[in-house]
Amino acid sequence: MAYVDGFLLAVPLENLAAYRRIARKAGKIWIEHGALSYVESKAEDTPRGKLTSFPRAVKLKGDETVVLAWITYRNRRHRDAVVKKVMQDPRMKKIMENEAMPFDGRRMIFGGFTTMLELSASQDSDPRDDG
């Protein structure tokens, strides 16, 4: 069953180019070590809700945008193996030690998820579907 690491964060608009540059470097490392996909998305239509919303979740400030990112793997074991390799990769260590992070990591939300349903135009699959 597929596994997804998800990330939600606020990035200052003036830092988007720097964020994209770092994300591209990191994403290439993740893919090289076996991740199936690496996606970074910038908010376009994320209204501020009365109780909850993407902007509220990251305590979005006026000069920031929400970024939603995810990395996909075959399963949790595959994810754990890929993350271990990524964190040991000297290029990733260099990014983490030498790059000024262009966002406030304290407001980043992240977690791992087991896929329970996946549909696409070419195929659909539900592990609980009997047929």
C-alpha atoms as a PDB file:
ATOM      1  CA  MET A   1       0.000   0.000   0.000  1.00  0.00           C
ATOM      2  CA  ALA A   2       1.426   3.424  -0.954  1.00  0.00           C
ATOM      3  CA  TYR A   3       2.817   5.739   1.707  1.00  0.00           C
ATOM      4  CA  VAL A   4       2.947   9.549   1.633  1.00  0.00           C
ATOM      5  CA  ASP A   5       4.936  12.066   3.661  1.00  0.00           C
ATOM      6  CA  GLY A   6       3.005  15.346   3.684  1.00  0.00           C
ATOM      7  CA  PHE A   7       4.218  18.851   4.504  1.00  0.00           C
ATOM      8  CA  LEU A   8       2.379  22.139   4.981  1.00  0.00           C
ATOM      9  CA  LEU A   9       4.318  25.363   5.527  1.00  0.00           C
ATOM     10  CA  ALA A  10       4.329  29.122   5.078  1.00  0.00           C
ATOM     11  CA  VAL A  11       6.984  30.631   2.822  1.00  0.00           C
ATOM     12  CA  PRO A  12       7.583  34.384   2.569  1.00  0.00           C
ATOM     13  CA  LEU A  13       6.841  35.533  -0.983  1.00  0.00           C
ATOM     14  CA  GLU A  14      10.277  37.131  -1.245  1.00  0.00           C
ATOM     15  CA  ASN A  15      11.850  33.722  -0.429  1.00  0.00           C
ATOM     16  CA  LEU A  16       9.939  31.589  -2.952  1.00  0.00           C
ATOM     17  CA  ALA A  17      12.830  31.432  -5.431  1.00  0.00           C
ATOM     18  CA  ALA A  18      15.247  30.345  -2.693  1.00  0.00           C
ATOM     19  CA  TYR A  19      12.715  27.805  -1.413  1.00  0.00           C
ATOM     20  CA  ARG A  20      12.236  26.382  -4.911  1.00  0.00           C
ATOM     21  CA  ARG A  21      16.012  26.117  -5.394  1.00  0.00           C
ATOM     22  CA  ILE A  22      16.462  24.193  -2.134  1.00  0.00           C
ATOM     23  CA  ALA A  23      13.377  22.041  -2.822  1.00  0.00           C
ATOM     24  CA  ARG A  24      14.702  21.124  -6.278  1.00  0.00           C
ATOM     25  CA  LYS A  25      18.041  20.023  -4.797  1.00  0.00           C
ATOM     26  CA  ALA A  26      16.348  18.042  -2.021  1.00  0.00           C
ATOM     27  CA  GLY A  27      13.778  16.515  -4.369  1.00  0.00           C
ATOM     28  CA  LYS A  28      16.466  15.215  -6.701  1.00  0.00           C
ATOM     29  CA  ILE A  29      18.182  13.551  -3.737  1.00  0.00           C
ATOM     30  CA  TRP A  30      14.900  11.976  -2.584  1.00  0.00           C
ATOM     31  CA  ILE A  31      14.178  10.621  -6.082  1.00  0.00           C
ATOM     32  CA  GLU A  32      17.744   9.349  -6.466  1.00  0.00           C
ATOM     33  CA  HIS A  33      17.357   7.374  -3.230  1.00  0.00           C
ATOM     34  CA  GLY A  34      14.089   5.769  -4.310  1.00  0.00           C
ATOM     35  CA  ALA A  35      11.122   8.062  -3.640  1.00  0.00           C
ATOM     36  CA  LEU A  36       8.436   7.530  -6.275  1.00  0.00           C
ATOM     37  CA  SER A  37       7.534  11.213  -6.549  1.00  0.00           C
ATOM     38  CA  TYR A  38       8.321  14.560  -4.949  1.00  0.00           C
ATOM     39  CA  VAL A  39       5.831  17.429  -5.313  1.00  0.00           C
ATOM     40  CA  GLU A  40       5.907  21.045  -4.124  1.00  0.00           C
ATOM     41  CA  SER A  41       2.739  23.146  -4.609  1.00  0.00           C
ATOM     42  CA  LYS A  42       2.165  26.868  -4.007  1.00  0.00           C
ATOM     43  CA  ALA A  43      -1.253  27.993  -2.793  1.00  0.00           C
ATOM     44  CA  GLU A  44      -3.551  29.572  -5.336  1.00  0.00           C
ATOM     45  CA  ASP A  45      -7.056  29.133  -3.901  1.00  0.00           C
ATOM     46  CA  THR A  46      -6.804  28.682  -0.120  1.00  0.00           C
ATOM     47  CA  PRO A  47      -9.381  30.910   1.577  1.00  0.00           C
ATOM     48  CA  ARG A  48      -8.934  31.718   5.247  1.00  0.00           C
ATOM     49  CA  GLY A  49     -11.603  29.759   7.108  1.00  0.00           C
ATOM     50  CA  LYS A  50     -13.451  30.890  10.196  1.00  0.00           C
ATOM     51  CA  LEU A  51     -12.196  27.963  12.296  1.00  0.00           C
ATOM     52  CA  THR A  52      -9.648  26.050  10.227  1.00  0.00           C
ATOM     53  CA  SER A  53      -7.905  26.408   6.886  1.00  0.00           C
ATOM     54  CA  PHE A  54      -4.498  26.028   5.304  1.00  0.00           C
ATOM     55  CA  PRO A  55      -3.592  29.665   6.103  1.00  0.00           C
ATOM     56  CA  ARG A  56      -4.710  29.287   9.723  1.00  0.00           C
ATOM     57  CA  ALA A  57      -2.869  25.985  10.112  1.00  0.00           C
ATOM     58  CA  VAL A  58       0.502  27.610   9.359  1.00  0.00           C
ATOM     59  CA  LYS A  59      -0.302  30.992  10.960  1.00  0.00           C
ATOM     60  CA  LEU A  60       0.092  32.633   7.544  1.00  0.00           C
ATOM     61  CA  LYS A  61       1.292  36.237   7.540  1.00  0.00           C
ATOM     62  CA  GLY A  62       0.367  38.809   4.892  1.00  0.00           C
ATOM     63  CA  ASP A  63       3.647  38.523   3.003  1.00  0.00           C
ATOM     64  CA  GLU A  64       3.632  34.703   2.821  1.00  0.00           C
ATOM     65  CA  THR A  65       2.071  31.913   0.821  1.00  0.00           C
ATOM     66  CA  VAL A  66       1.130  28.368   1.787  1.00  0.00           C
ATOM     67  CA  VAL A  67       3.173  25.507   0.345  1.00  0.00           C
ATOM     68  CA  LEU A  68       1.778  21.981   0.296  1.00  0.00           C
ATOM     69  CA  ALA A  69       4.329  19.287  -0.500  1.00  0.00           C
ATOM     70  CA  TRP A  70       4.372  15.512  -0.536  1.00  0.00           C
ATOM     71  CA  ILE A  71       6.696  12.627  -1.236  1.00  0.00           C
ATOM     72  CA  THR A  72       5.385   9.192  -2.219  1.00  0.00           C
ATOM     73  CA  TYR A  73       6.807   5.749  -1.526  1.00  0.00           C
ATOM     74  CA  ARG A  74       5.767   2.123  -2.065  1.00  0.00           C
ATOM     75  CA  ASN A  75       5.027   1.583   1.637  1.00  0.00           C
ATOM     76  CA  ARG A  76       6.179   2.617   5.120  1.00  0.00           C
ATOM     77  CA  ARG A  77       9.210   0.316   5.063  1.00  0.00           C
ATOM     78  CA  HIS A  78      10.294   1.783   1.720  1.00  0.00           C
ATOM     79  CA  ARG A  79       9.809   5.310   3.124  1.00  0.00           C
ATOM     80  CA  ASP A  80      11.922   4.556   6.184  1.00  0.00           C
ATOM     81  CA  ALA A  81      14.723   3.160   3.995  1.00  0.00           C
ATOM     82  CA  VAL A  82      14.640   6.143   1.611  1.00  0.00           C
ATOM     83  CA  VAL A  83      14.600   8.709   4.426  1.00  0.00           C
ATOM     84  CA  LYS A  84      17.546   6.985   6.107  1.00  0.00           C
ATOM     85  CA  LYS A  85      19.571   7.180   2.869  1.00  0.00           C
ATOM     86  CA  VAL A  86      18.558  10.801   2.264  1.00  0.00           C
ATOM     87  CA  MET A  87      19.545  11.884   5.767  1.00  0.00           C
ATOM     88  CA  GLN A  88      22.945  10.184   5.371  1.00  0.00           C
ATOM     89  CA  ASP A  89      23.590  11.741   1.961  1.00  0.00           C
ATOM     90  CA  PRO A  90      26.350  14.387   2.240  1.00  0.00           C
ATOM     91  CA  ARG A  91      24.487  16.639  -0.219  1.00  0.00           C
ATOM     92  CA  MET A  92      21.434  16.689   2.040  1.00  0.00           C
ATOM     93  CA  LYS A  93      23.589  17.330   5.098  1.00  0.00           C
ATOM     94  CA  LYS A  94      25.157  20.251   3.215  1.00  0.00           C
ATOM     95  CA  ILE A  95      21.717  21.686   2.425  1.00  0.00           C
ATOM     96  CA  MET A  96      20.578  21.359   6.031  1.00  0.00           C
ATOM     97  CA  GLU A  97      23.789  22.778   7.504  1.00  0.00           C
ATOM     98  CA  ASN A  98      24.735  25.464   4.990  1.00  0.00           C
ATOM     99  CA  GLU A  99      21.516  26.754   3.467  1.00  0.00           C
ATOM    100  CA  ALA A 100      19.522  29.422   5.275  1.00  0.00           C
ATOM    101  CA  MET A 101      16.037  27.955   5.376  1.00  0.00           C
ATOM    102  CA  PRO A 102      13.703  30.379   3.578  1.00  0.00           C
ATOM    103  CA  PHE A 103      10.764  29.642   5.907  1.00  0.00           C
ATOM    104  CA  ASP A 104       9.963  29.303   9.604  1.00  0.00           C
ATOM    105  CA  GLY A 105      10.276  25.579  10.309  1.00  0.00           C
ATOM    106  CA  ARG A 106       8.459  25.961  13.624  1.00  0.00           C
ATOM    107  CA  ARG A 107       5.223  26.530  11.677  1.00  0.00           C
ATOM    108  CA  MET A 108       5.677  23.553   9.358  1.00  0.00           C
ATOM    109  CA  ILE A 109       3.214  20.696   9.750  1.00  0.00           C
ATOM    110  CA  PHE A 110       4.292  17.247   8.573  1.00  0.00           C
ATOM    111  CA  GLY A 111       3.428  13.604   8.906  1.00  0.00           C
ATOM    112  CA  GLY A 112       3.331  10.197   7.257  1.00  0.00           C
ATOM    113  CA  PHE A 113       0.170   8.687   5.804  1.00  0.00           C
ATOM    114  CA  THR A 114      -0.874   5.281   4.513  1.00  0.00           C
ATOM    115  CA  THR A 115      -2.887   5.582   1.324  1.00  0.00           C
ATOM    116  CA  MET A 116      -6.429   4.297   1.821  1.00  0.00           C
ATOM    117  CA  LEU A 117      -7.784   5.202  -1.631  1.00  0.00           C
ATOM    118  CA  GLU A 118      -6.189   6.306  -4.864  1.00  0.00           C
ATOM    119  CA  LEU A 119      -8.050   7.106  -8.066  1.00  0.00           C
ATOM    120  CA  SER A 120      -6.724   8.364 -11.368  1.00  0.00           C
ATOM    121  CA  ALA A 121      -7.970   8.729 -14.915  1.00  0.00           C
ATOM    122  CA  SER A 122      -6.006   5.647 -15.963  1.00  0.00           C
ATOM    123  CA  GLN A 123      -6.615   3.369 -12.977  1.00  0.00           C
ATOM    124  CA  ASP A 124      -8.298   3.185  -9.614  1.00  0.00           C
ATOM    125  CA  SER A 125      -7.550   1.070  -6.587  1.00  0.00           C
ATOM    126  CA  ASP A 126      -9.011   0.735  -3.129  1.00  0.00           C
ATOM    127  CA  PRO A 127      -7.241  -1.865  -0.962  1.00  0.00           C
ATOM    128  CA  ARG A 128     -10.531  -2.503   0.880  1.00  0.00           C
ATOM    129  CA  ASP A 129     -12.606  -2.941  -2.293  1.00  0.00           C
ATOM    130  CA  ASP A 130     -13.871  -6.486  -2.799  1.00  0.00           C
ATOM    131  CA  GLY A 131     -14.502  -6.059  -6.406  1.00  0.00           C
END
